[in-house]
Amino acid sequence: MQIYMVGGAVRDKLLGRPVNDHDWVVVGATPEQMLALGYLPVGRDFPVFLHPETREEYALARTERKSGPGYRGFEVQSSPDVTLDEDLSRRDLTINAIATSAYGTSTGGTFDPYFGIKDLEARVLRHVTDAFREDPVRILRVARFAARFTDFTVAPETMQLMREMVAHGEADHLVAERVWQELARGLMEEKPSRMFEVLRECGALDVLLPEVARLWGVPQRAEYHPEVDTGVHLMMVLDMSARLNAPLTVRFACLAHDLGKGTTPANVLPRHIGHEVRSAHLLKDVAERLRVPVDCRETADVVAREHGNIHRSSELSAAALVRLLERCDAIRKPERFADILLACECDARGRLGFEESAYPQRARLAAVLAAVQSVVTRDIAAHAAAKGVSGPQVGTLIHQARGQAVAQWLARSAGA
């Protein structure tokens, strides 16, 4: 039995990046031997075990053979006869096909049969072998790594291979869970725009997210969007969300906020009247197709519908501000409203020349919400009950009190 550290841990250590998780491959062992040593089986599709103490994953060396479409169409063979080279050959990128001995990481203990170290130095994302084409998830992984390693480029031959995979329909067989998993991870990388640029370049974006793909080439009003192109704007918004360390809910909302601009009739361009409603409808389709988590889809829905009103909120009256908060469900879900405001800031600053601009609407609406929250609804309800008032009339009284609280805050802030 020989044990090697493989994959991302080796790659990141060579790059001088933090290593959070270790993956191990075991050569020359059987499942029975692993069980006898106290390892816990967890693999469903192939033999993977948890170390009895560290709980890190140890996978038996394996080979794979394509047996059907999509990423599930594989026959996996794992036996003591599978070599380390054979195991590494099935990996996606050369930079992920490097192994080191479990007992040392000196030059003599490094195994790099596919020249991954050379590609690390050259900052290149390159597929290991032609077996890359057998798993369409690897298209998404390459795009995600491009978003993480921002100074790496995709090797021309790898990009060509990805184009061929898309042309042959491999991307059509990707299941929703895997697409969302990779998409979510890519959104959380250092420069998420690169993920979509790579997917667009190889043609996969047209298959996986046509609602996003159609935004490129759609003009916007230059007085509001000096970058003009809606697709360019979207990429700037995503990168701003990364710059502001936004959570996934915000980043997905940024991705979906302008989908409706892709369906604006050509005869009204560059104006996009009613795009907010169209964005919300398209978002619903995307969220259902990719099985997007509820918190992400709900935040994105509010941002899609209300980002224009939030941008213009300084022009609204006290009553209109209360209605805006109610449509955003801000009073009941203030934490989500904070995310909504952050997404709107990303949208406002994700424009050419506005990257360093302030976004006062965020702090202002947070203060408006605080004024609304200062209204003690319990006391209003009790007072109404004492007068024999009930039902919808109580809600009207609460709404009026909230409007008065906001009007008072507006007056104070204007006086200041």
Protein backbone atom coordinates (compact mmCIF):
# COMPACT_ATOMS: atom_id res chain seq x y z
CA MET A 1 0.00 0.00 0.00
CA GLN A 2 1.32 3.44 -1.02
CA ILE A 3 -0.35 6.72 -0.09
CA TYR A 4 -0.01 10.00 -1.98
CA MET A 5 -1.35 13.52 -1.49
CA VAL A 6 -2.97 14.66 -4.74
CA GLY A 7 -4.95 17.39 -6.40
CA GLY A 8 -5.70 20.84 -5.02
CA ALA A 9 -3.63 20.51 -1.86
CA VAL A 10 -0.47 19.84 -3.86
CA ARG A 11 -1.30 22.55 -6.38
CA ASP A 12 -2.01 25.21 -3.78
CA LYS A 13 1.08 24.33 -1.76
CA LEU A 14 3.23 24.76 -4.87
CA LEU A 15 1.53 28.10 -5.55
CA GLY A 16 2.10 29.28 -2.00
CA ARG A 17 -1.65 29.49 -1.37
CA PRO A 18 -3.39 28.34 1.82
CA VAL A 19 -4.20 24.62 1.92
CA ASN A 20 -7.48 23.89 3.69
CA ASP A 21 -8.25 20.31 2.67
CA HIS A 22 -6.11 17.34 1.73
CA ASP A 23 -7.05 14.60 -0.71
CA TRP A 24 -5.22 11.30 -0.73
CA VAL A 25 -4.98 8.45 -3.21
CA VAL A 26 -4.10 4.94 -2.11
CA VAL A 27 -2.29 2.65 -4.56
CA GLY A 28 -2.06 -1.11 -4.15
CA ALA A 29 -4.86 -1.59 -1.62
CA THR A 30 -8.25 -3.26 -1.49
CA PRO A 31 -11.40 -2.06 0.27
CA GLU A 32 -11.04 -4.92 2.72
CA GLN A 33 -7.56 -3.74 3.71
CA MET A 34 -8.83 -0.20 4.25
CA LEU A 35 -11.65 -1.44 6.46
CA ALA A 36 -9.23 -3.60 8.45
CA LEU A 37 -7.15 -0.49 9.16
CA GLY A 38 -10.16 1.35 10.56
CA TYR A 39 -11.01 3.54 7.56
CA LEU A 40 -14.71 4.38 7.15
CA PRO A 41 -16.32 3.83 3.71
CA VAL A 42 -18.17 6.83 2.23
CA GLY A 43 -17.85 6.47 -1.55
CA ARG A 44 -21.02 5.72 -3.47
CA ASP A 45 -19.65 5.53 -7.01
CA PHE A 46 -16.12 4.34 -6.20
CA PRO A 47 -14.16 3.35 -3.07
CA VAL A 48 -13.51 6.40 -0.87
CA PHE A 49 -12.75 6.18 2.83
CA LEU A 50 -12.39 8.53 5.78
CA HIS A 51 -9.23 8.33 7.87
CA PRO A 52 -10.13 6.99 11.32
CA GLU A 53 -8.52 10.00 13.05
CA THR A 54 -8.25 12.97 10.65
CA ARG A 55 -11.49 12.19 8.74
CA GLU A 56 -9.76 13.22 5.52
CA GLU A 57 -10.72 11.41 2.32
CA TYR A 58 -8.60 8.53 1.01
CA ALA A 59 -9.63 7.22 -2.42
CA LEU A 60 -8.38 3.99 -3.92
CA ALA A 61 -6.55 4.51 -7.22
CA ARG A 62 -9.00 4.06 -10.07
CA THR A 63 -9.53 4.29 -13.80
CA GLU A 64 -12.67 5.36 -15.64
CA ARG A 65 -14.19 4.39 -18.98
CA LYS A 66 -16.94 6.31 -20.75
CA SER A 67 -20.11 4.24 -21.04
CA GLY A 68 -22.84 6.81 -21.69
CA PRO A 69 -23.62 10.52 -22.09
CA GLY A 70 -23.11 13.13 -19.40
CA TYR A 71 -20.97 13.04 -16.31
CA ARG A 72 -22.68 9.95 -14.85
CA GLY A 73 -21.94 7.74 -17.84
CA PHE A 74 -18.78 6.11 -16.49
CA GLU A 75 -17.60 2.67 -15.50
CA VAL A 76 -15.10 2.92 -12.65
CA GLN A 77 -12.44 0.31 -12.00
CA SER A 78 -10.55 0.26 -8.74
CA SER A 79 -8.04 -2.48 -7.95
CA PRO A 80 -4.58 -2.88 -6.43
CA ASP A 81 -3.19 -3.08 -9.98
CA VAL A 82 -4.13 0.53 -10.88
CA THR A 83 -0.97 2.66 -10.89
CA LEU A 84 -0.51 6.22 -9.72
CA ASP A 85 0.06 7.37 -13.31
CA GLU A 86 -3.20 5.76 -14.40
CA ASP A 87 -5.07 7.45 -11.58
CA LEU A 88 -3.57 10.86 -12.38
CA SER A 89 -4.34 10.47 -16.08
CA ARG A 90 -8.09 10.63 -15.44
CA ARG A 91 -7.88 14.04 -13.71
CA ASP A 92 -9.08 17.23 -15.35
CA LEU A 93 -6.11 19.62 -15.49
CA THR A 94 -2.37 19.10 -15.37
CA ILE A 95 -2.09 21.41 -12.37
CA ASN A 96 -4.41 19.00 -10.51
CA ALA A 97 -2.53 15.88 -11.64
CA ILE A 98 0.48 16.27 -9.35
CA ALA A 99 1.11 13.94 -6.41
CA THR A 100 3.51 13.91 -3.50
CA SER A 101 4.50 11.10 -1.21
CA ALA A 102 2.59 11.02 2.04
CA TYR A 103 5.92 10.94 3.84
CA GLY A 104 7.56 13.99 2.33
CA THR A 105 7.24 16.69 -0.30
CA SER A 106 10.83 16.93 -1.47
CA THR A 107 11.64 16.82 -5.18
CA GLY A 108 12.23 13.10 -4.98
CA GLY A 109 8.74 12.59 -3.59
CA THR A 110 6.91 14.62 -6.25
CA PHE A 111 5.19 12.82 -9.12
CA ASP A 112 4.33 15.02 -12.09
CA PRO A 113 3.90 12.81 -15.18
CA TYR A 114 1.82 15.41 -17.05
CA PHE A 115 4.03 18.46 -16.40
CA GLY A 116 1.60 20.25 -14.12
CA ILE A 117 4.42 22.12 -12.36
CA LYS A 118 5.49 23.58 -15.70
CA ASP A 119 1.91 24.75 -16.32
CA LEU A 120 1.76 26.25 -12.83
CA GLU A 121 4.84 28.28 -13.64
CA ALA A 122 3.44 29.29 -17.04
CA ARG A 123 0.03 30.07 -15.53
CA VAL A 124 -1.84 27.78 -17.92
CA LEU A 125 -4.99 25.70 -17.46
CA ARG A 126 -4.44 22.63 -19.66
CA HIS A 127 -6.29 19.32 -19.84
CA VAL A 128 -4.38 16.17 -18.94
CA THR A 129 -5.45 13.78 -21.71
CA ASP A 130 -8.18 13.50 -24.31
CA ALA A 131 -10.24 11.69 -21.66
CA PHE A 132 -11.14 15.23 -20.53
CA ARG A 133 -13.88 15.25 -23.17
CA GLU A 134 -15.71 12.41 -21.44
CA ASP A 135 -16.90 14.52 -18.51
CA PRO A 136 -18.79 17.77 -19.31
CA VAL A 137 -18.52 18.95 -15.69
CA ARG A 138 -14.89 19.68 -16.52
CA ILE A 139 -15.98 22.55 -18.73
CA LEU A 140 -17.47 24.20 -15.67
CA ARG A 141 -14.43 23.36 -13.57
CA VAL A 142 -12.03 24.98 -16.03
CA ALA A 143 -14.21 28.10 -16.05
CA ARG A 144 -14.29 28.12 -12.25
CA PHE A 145 -10.53 27.75 -11.99
CA ALA A 146 -10.17 30.68 -14.39
CA ALA A 147 -12.22 32.75 -11.93
CA ARG A 148 -10.00 31.63 -9.05
CA PHE A 149 -6.59 31.85 -10.67
CA THR A 150 -7.06 35.20 -12.31
CA ASP A 151 -3.63 35.33 -13.97
CA PHE A 152 -4.00 31.89 -15.61
CA THR A 153 -5.09 31.44 -19.22
CA VAL A 154 -6.88 28.48 -20.78
CA ALA A 155 -4.59 26.59 -23.18
CA PRO A 156 -5.81 26.98 -26.80
CA GLU A 157 -6.04 23.22 -27.27
CA THR A 158 -8.14 22.92 -24.11
CA MET A 159 -10.48 25.68 -25.25
CA GLN A 160 -10.85 23.94 -28.61
CA LEU A 161 -11.62 20.67 -26.87
CA MET A 162 -14.28 22.37 -24.78
CA ARG A 163 -15.84 23.87 -27.92
CA GLU A 164 -15.98 20.42 -29.48
CA MET A 165 -17.63 18.98 -26.38
CA VAL A 166 -20.32 21.66 -26.49
CA ALA A 167 -20.83 21.16 -30.23
CA HIS A 168 -21.26 17.41 -29.68
CA GLY A 169 -23.97 18.03 -27.07
CA GLU A 170 -22.07 16.92 -23.97
CA ALA A 171 -23.09 20.07 -22.06
CA ASP A 172 -26.75 19.21 -22.73
CA HIS A 173 -26.45 16.23 -20.39
CA LEU A 174 -25.27 18.15 -17.33
CA VAL A 175 -27.64 17.75 -14.40
CA ALA A 176 -28.96 20.75 -12.51
CA GLU A 177 -27.27 19.96 -9.20
CA ARG A 178 -23.79 19.84 -10.71
CA VAL A 179 -24.31 22.99 -12.77
CA TRP A 180 -25.49 24.90 -9.71
CA GLN A 181 -22.69 23.50 -7.55
CA GLU A 182 -20.00 24.68 -9.95
CA LEU A 183 -21.79 27.93 -10.74
CA ALA A 184 -22.12 28.79 -7.05
CA ARG A 185 -18.46 28.04 -6.41
CA GLY A 186 -17.45 30.12 -9.43
CA LEU A 187 -19.54 33.05 -8.25
CA MET A 188 -17.64 32.98 -4.97
CA GLU A 189 -14.21 33.10 -6.60
CA GLU A 190 -11.91 36.13 -6.80
CA LYS A 191 -13.06 37.27 -10.26
CA PRO A 192 -16.36 35.58 -11.14
CA SER A 193 -16.60 37.35 -14.50
CA ARG A 194 -13.86 35.08 -15.85
CA MET A 195 -16.03 32.02 -15.31
CA PHE A 196 -18.69 33.43 -17.60
CA GLU A 197 -16.17 34.69 -20.12
CA VAL A 198 -14.71 31.18 -20.47
CA LEU A 199 -18.15 29.58 -20.68
CA ARG A 200 -19.13 32.12 -23.31
CA GLU A 201 -15.96 31.58 -25.32
CA CYS A 202 -16.47 27.82 -25.57
CA GLY A 203 -20.22 28.11 -26.23
CA ALA A 204 -21.37 26.48 -23.00
CA LEU A 205 -23.07 29.63 -21.69
CA ASP A 206 -25.59 29.48 -24.55
CA VAL A 207 -26.52 25.97 -23.40
CA LEU A 208 -26.47 26.39 -19.63
CA LEU A 209 -27.59 30.00 -19.17
CA PRO A 210 -29.00 31.38 -22.42
CA GLU A 211 -30.72 34.13 -20.42
CA VAL A 212 -27.27 35.44 -19.46
CA ALA A 213 -25.60 34.74 -22.81
CA ARG A 214 -28.04 36.93 -24.73
CA LEU A 215 -27.08 40.04 -22.72
CA TRP A 216 -23.89 40.61 -24.69
CA GLY A 217 -24.39 43.03 -27.57
CA VAL A 218 -27.51 44.56 -26.01
CA PRO A 219 -27.00 48.35 -25.69
CA GLN A 220 -27.97 50.52 -22.74
CA ARG A 221 -28.34 54.26 -22.37
CA ALA A 222 -24.82 55.69 -22.27
CA GLU A 223 -25.73 58.46 -19.80
CA TYR A 224 -26.44 55.80 -17.18
CA HIS A 225 -24.14 53.06 -18.46
CA PRO A 226 -20.93 54.40 -20.01
CA GLU A 227 -19.90 50.77 -20.66
CA VAL A 228 -23.05 50.57 -22.89
CA ASP A 229 -22.99 46.77 -23.44
CA THR A 230 -25.29 44.96 -20.97
CA GLY A 231 -23.08 41.87 -20.86
CA VAL A 232 -20.03 43.98 -19.99
CA HIS A 233 -22.05 45.69 -17.27
CA LEU A 234 -23.08 42.34 -15.81
CA MET A 235 -19.45 41.21 -15.58
CA MET A 236 -18.51 44.46 -13.84
CA VAL A 237 -21.35 43.97 -11.34
CA LEU A 238 -20.22 40.42 -10.56
CA ASP A 239 -16.64 41.52 -10.00
CA MET A 240 -17.84 44.34 -7.77
CA SER A 241 -19.74 41.78 -5.68
CA ALA A 242 -16.48 39.90 -5.22
CA ARG A 243 -14.62 43.09 -4.38
CA LEU A 244 -17.21 43.86 -1.67
CA ASN A 245 -16.97 40.29 -0.30
CA ALA A 246 -20.66 39.69 -0.90
CA PRO A 247 -22.24 36.35 0.09
CA LEU A 248 -23.59 33.92 -2.51
CA THR A 249 -27.15 35.23 -2.20
CA VAL A 250 -25.97 38.68 -3.28
CA ARG A 251 -23.74 37.40 -6.07
CA PHE A 252 -26.51 35.32 -7.58
CA ALA A 253 -28.85 38.31 -7.34
CA CYS A 254 -26.26 40.34 -9.23
CA LEU A 255 -26.11 37.66 -11.92
CA ALA A 256 -29.89 37.68 -12.42
CA HIS A 257 -30.82 41.32 -11.85
CA ASP A 258 -30.82 42.44 -15.53
CA LEU A 259 -31.89 39.28 -17.37
CA GLY A 260 -34.91 41.08 -18.77
CA LYS A 261 -32.72 43.44 -20.80
CA GLY A 262 -31.93 40.53 -23.08
CA THR A 263 -35.58 40.39 -24.19
CA THR A 264 -36.11 44.11 -24.76
CA PRO A 265 -37.67 44.69 -28.22
CA ALA A 266 -35.09 46.05 -30.65
CA ASN A 267 -37.26 49.02 -31.62
CA VAL A 268 -37.09 50.55 -28.10
CA LEU A 269 -33.38 50.09 -27.45
CA PRO A 270 -31.30 51.42 -25.75
CA ARG A 271 -34.14 51.97 -23.26
CA HIS A 272 -35.28 48.97 -21.24
CA ILE A 273 -38.75 49.86 -20.02
CA GLY A 274 -40.23 47.12 -17.83
CA HIS A 275 -37.08 45.02 -17.79
CA GLU A 276 -37.42 44.50 -14.02
CA VAL A 277 -40.61 42.46 -14.39
CA ARG A 278 -39.14 40.50 -17.29
CA SER A 279 -36.00 39.84 -15.22
CA ALA A 280 -38.09 38.39 -12.40
CA HIS A 281 -39.92 36.06 -14.81
CA LEU A 282 -36.67 34.84 -16.40
CA LEU A 283 -35.11 34.41 -12.97
CA LYS A 284 -37.93 32.08 -12.01
CA ASP A 285 -37.18 29.90 -15.02
CA VAL A 286 -33.44 29.81 -14.23
CA ALA A 287 -34.00 29.06 -10.55
CA GLU A 288 -36.34 26.17 -11.31
CA ARG A 289 -34.10 24.73 -14.02
CA LEU A 290 -30.96 24.82 -11.86
CA ARG A 291 -32.74 24.11 -8.57
CA VAL A 292 -31.32 27.24 -7.00
CA PRO A 293 -31.65 27.34 -3.18
CA VAL A 294 -34.60 29.28 -1.83
CA ASP A 295 -32.58 32.00 -0.11
CA CYS A 296 -30.72 32.80 -3.34
CA ARG A 297 -33.82 32.84 -5.53
CA GLU A 298 -35.87 34.97 -3.09
CA THR A 299 -33.14 37.59 -2.70
CA ALA A 300 -32.59 37.67 -6.46
CA ASP A 301 -36.32 38.07 -7.10
CA VAL A 302 -36.56 41.20 -4.96
CA VAL A 303 -33.40 42.68 -6.47
CA ALA A 304 -34.66 42.01 -10.00
CA ARG A 305 -38.02 43.69 -9.31
CA GLU A 306 -36.93 46.56 -7.11
CA HIS A 307 -33.33 47.59 -7.94
CA GLY A 308 -34.52 50.52 -10.05
CA ASN A 309 -36.75 51.80 -7.25
CA ILE A 310 -33.95 51.38 -4.71
CA HIS A 311 -31.59 53.36 -6.93
CA ARG A 312 -34.22 56.15 -7.11
CA SER A 313 -35.25 55.92 -3.46
CA SER A 314 -33.92 59.39 -2.60
CA GLU A 315 -36.77 60.78 -4.73
CA LEU A 316 -39.53 58.87 -2.90
CA SER A 317 -41.96 60.23 -0.35
CA ALA A 318 -42.35 58.77 3.11
CA ALA A 319 -45.40 56.76 2.05
CA ALA A 320 -43.61 55.45 -1.05
CA LEU A 321 -40.59 54.45 1.02
CA VAL A 322 -42.80 52.43 3.37
CA ARG A 323 -44.41 50.70 0.41
CA LEU A 324 -40.95 49.91 -0.99
CA LEU A 325 -39.90 48.33 2.31
CA GLU A 326 -43.11 46.31 2.41
CA ARG A 327 -42.61 45.02 -1.14
CA CYS A 328 -39.08 43.99 -0.18
CA ASP A 329 -40.43 42.33 3.01
CA ALA A 330 -37.71 44.33 4.76
CA ILE A 331 -39.59 44.71 8.04
CA ARG A 332 -40.00 40.97 8.44
CA LYS A 333 -36.60 40.02 6.97
CA PRO A 334 -34.13 42.83 7.70
CA GLU A 335 -31.06 40.63 7.19
CA ARG A 336 -32.19 39.78 3.67
CA PHE A 337 -32.91 43.44 3.00
CA ALA A 338 -29.30 44.23 3.88
CA ASP A 339 -28.24 41.75 1.18
CA ILE A 340 -30.65 43.34 -1.28
CA LEU A 341 -29.11 46.75 -0.66
CA LEU A 342 -25.61 45.35 -1.11
CA ALA A 343 -26.60 43.82 -4.45
CA CYS A 344 -27.97 47.19 -5.55
CA GLU A 345 -24.70 48.86 -4.57
CA CYS A 346 -22.85 46.32 -6.69
CA ASP A 347 -25.17 47.17 -9.59
CA ALA A 348 -24.64 50.91 -9.19
CA ARG A 349 -20.85 50.66 -8.87
CA GLY A 350 -20.50 48.01 -11.56
CA ARG A 351 -20.38 50.68 -14.25
CA LEU A 352 -17.53 52.27 -16.12
CA GLY A 353 -16.25 55.21 -14.10
CA PHE A 354 -18.48 54.51 -11.08
CA GLU A 355 -16.33 51.84 -9.44
CA GLU A 356 -15.18 54.15 -6.63
CA SER A 357 -18.45 56.03 -6.25
CA ALA A 358 -20.43 56.14 -3.03
CA TYR A 359 -23.87 54.56 -2.84
CA PRO A 360 -25.76 56.59 -0.20
CA GLN A 361 -29.02 54.75 -0.89
CA ARG A 362 -27.76 51.77 1.08
CA ALA A 363 -27.22 53.64 4.36
CA ARG A 364 -30.27 55.82 3.80
CA LEU A 365 -32.67 52.93 3.34
CA ALA A 366 -31.16 51.11 6.31
CA ALA A 367 -31.97 54.21 8.39
CA VAL A 368 -35.49 54.35 6.94
CA LEU A 369 -35.98 50.73 7.95
CA ALA A 370 -34.79 51.55 11.47
CA ALA A 371 -37.38 54.33 11.65
CA VAL A 372 -40.11 51.90 10.57
CA GLN A 373 -38.92 49.32 13.11
CA SER A 374 -39.23 51.93 15.88
CA VAL A 375 -43.00 51.75 15.53
CA VAL A 376 -44.34 49.45 18.25
CA THR A 377 -47.09 47.59 16.42
CA ARG A 378 -48.17 45.77 19.57
CA ASP A 379 -49.16 49.04 21.21
CA ILE A 380 -51.07 50.19 18.13
CA ALA A 381 -52.97 46.91 18.00
CA ALA A 382 -53.81 47.11 21.70
CA HIS A 383 -55.01 50.70 21.39
CA ALA A 384 -57.14 49.78 18.39
CA ALA A 385 -58.65 46.83 20.20
CA ALA A 386 -59.62 49.08 23.11
CA LYS A 387 -61.61 51.17 20.64
CA GLY A 388 -63.20 48.17 19.02
CA VAL A 389 -61.10 48.34 15.87
CA SER A 390 -59.92 45.05 14.36
CA GLY A 391 -58.98 43.28 11.15
CA PRO A 392 -57.57 45.16 8.17
CA GLN A 393 -58.18 48.49 9.89
CA VAL A 394 -55.42 47.67 12.37
CA GLY A 395 -53.06 47.07 9.49
CA THR A 396 -53.99 50.45 8.04
CA LEU A 397 -53.22 52.15 11.35
CA ILE A 398 -49.83 50.43 11.53
CA HIS A 399 -49.04 51.42 7.96
CA GLN A 400 -49.95 55.05 8.72
CA ALA A 401 -47.79 55.06 11.86
CA ARG A 402 -44.83 53.75 9.90
CA GLY A 403 -45.33 56.46 7.30
CA GLN A 404 -45.37 59.11 10.02
CA ALA A 405 -42.16 57.70 11.54
CA VAL A 406 -40.42 57.85 8.17
CA ALA A 407 -41.74 61.37 7.50
CA GLN A 408 -40.31 62.49 10.84
CA TRP A 409 -36.96 60.90 10.00
CA LEU A 410 -36.92 62.62 6.61
CA ALA A 411 -37.62 65.95 8.26
CA ARG A 412 -34.83 65.45 10.78
CA SER A 413 -32.33 64.37 8.16
CA ALA A 414 -33.27 67.34 5.96
CA GLY A 415 -32.79 69.70 8.89
CA ALA A 416 -29.43 68.21 9.70
